[in-house]
Each structure stands twice: as structure tokens, then as C-alpha cells.
Protein backbone atom coordinates (compact mmCIF):
# COMPACT_ATOMS: atom_id res chain seq x y z
CA UNK A 1 0.00 0.00 0.00
CA UNK A 2 2.78 2.41 0.92
CA UNK A 3 4.71 1.53 -2.25
CA UNK A 4 1.67 2.36 -4.38
CA UNK A 5 1.29 5.74 -2.69
CA UNK A 6 4.95 6.50 -3.35
CA UNK A 7 4.59 5.42 -6.99
CA UNK A 8 1.52 7.64 -7.45
CA UNK A 9 3.26 10.60 -5.81
CA UNK A 10 6.32 10.20 -8.00
CA UNK A 11 4.11 9.84 -11.07
CA UNK A 12 2.30 13.07 -10.24
CA UNK A 13 5.51 15.02 -9.62
CA UNK A 14 7.34 13.71 -12.69
CA UNK A 15 4.27 14.15 -14.89
CA UNK A 16 3.73 17.68 -13.64
CA UNK A 17 7.37 18.55 -14.23
CA UNK A 18 7.23 17.14 -17.75
CA UNK A 19 4.03 19.06 -18.43
CA UNK A 20 5.64 22.28 -17.27
CA UNK A 21 8.74 21.51 -19.33
CA UNK A 22 6.54 20.96 -22.37
CA UNK A 23 4.87 24.31 -21.71
CA UNK A 24 8.24 26.09 -21.45
CA UNK A 25 9.75 24.43 -24.53
CA UNK A 26 6.78 24.34 -26.89
CA UNK A 27 4.17 26.52 -25.23
CA UNK A 28 1.35 28.16 -27.07
CA UNK A 29 1.69 31.70 -28.32
CA UNK A 30 -1.83 31.95 -29.75
CA UNK A 31 -3.76 30.64 -26.75
CA UNK A 32 -5.64 28.10 -28.86
CA UNK A 33 -3.75 25.08 -27.54
CA UNK A 34 -6.06 23.54 -24.94
CA UNK A 35 -3.39 21.57 -23.08
CA UNK A 36 -0.51 24.05 -22.99
CA UNK A 37 -2.31 27.41 -23.04
CA UNK A 38 -1.34 28.15 -19.42
CA UNK A 39 1.28 26.68 -17.09
CA UNK A 40 -1.41 25.41 -14.72
CA UNK A 41 -3.13 23.45 -17.48
CA UNK A 42 0.16 21.99 -18.67
CA UNK A 43 1.11 20.92 -15.14
CA UNK A 44 -2.36 19.49 -14.51
CA UNK A 45 -2.36 17.54 -17.76
CA UNK A 46 1.16 16.26 -17.15
CA UNK A 47 0.28 15.26 -13.60
CA UNK A 48 -2.79 13.42 -14.82
CA UNK A 49 -0.75 11.55 -17.43
CA UNK A 50 1.85 10.70 -14.78
CA UNK A 51 -0.91 9.46 -12.50
CA UNK A 52 -2.29 7.23 -15.25
CA UNK A 53 1.17 5.92 -16.06
CA UNK A 54 1.90 5.16 -12.40
CA UNK A 55 -1.37 3.34 -11.73
CA UNK A 56 -1.75 1.43 -14.99
CA UNK A 57 1.84 0.28 -15.21
């Protein structure tokens, strides 16, 4: 149980960091990109993808 919580936490942090990195590198200058329009959206989307990866792996 504790290992799963650690895996989920790491997945959220790594996913959020990758989402923010994607925002910084690619970003969206027009504001029409739904996933990377703002840093909060990019971090949220990345965290969600990290959460999925951690739980479904």
C-alpha cells in the first residue's frame, strides 16, 4: 500500500514537471492550444498523465 502511494506521488511530480517543461519548450503563443495554453493546465495535464502511467503500469 505504501509503495503504491509513493509510486503515485512520483508519477504526479514527474508528470507535472514534464508538463511544465513541455509548456516552457513548446508553449502556445496563440492561446488556442487547450493543453498548454497556461502553465497550470500543462502541469495538470502532465500530472494526470503521470498518475495514469503510475497506476496502470
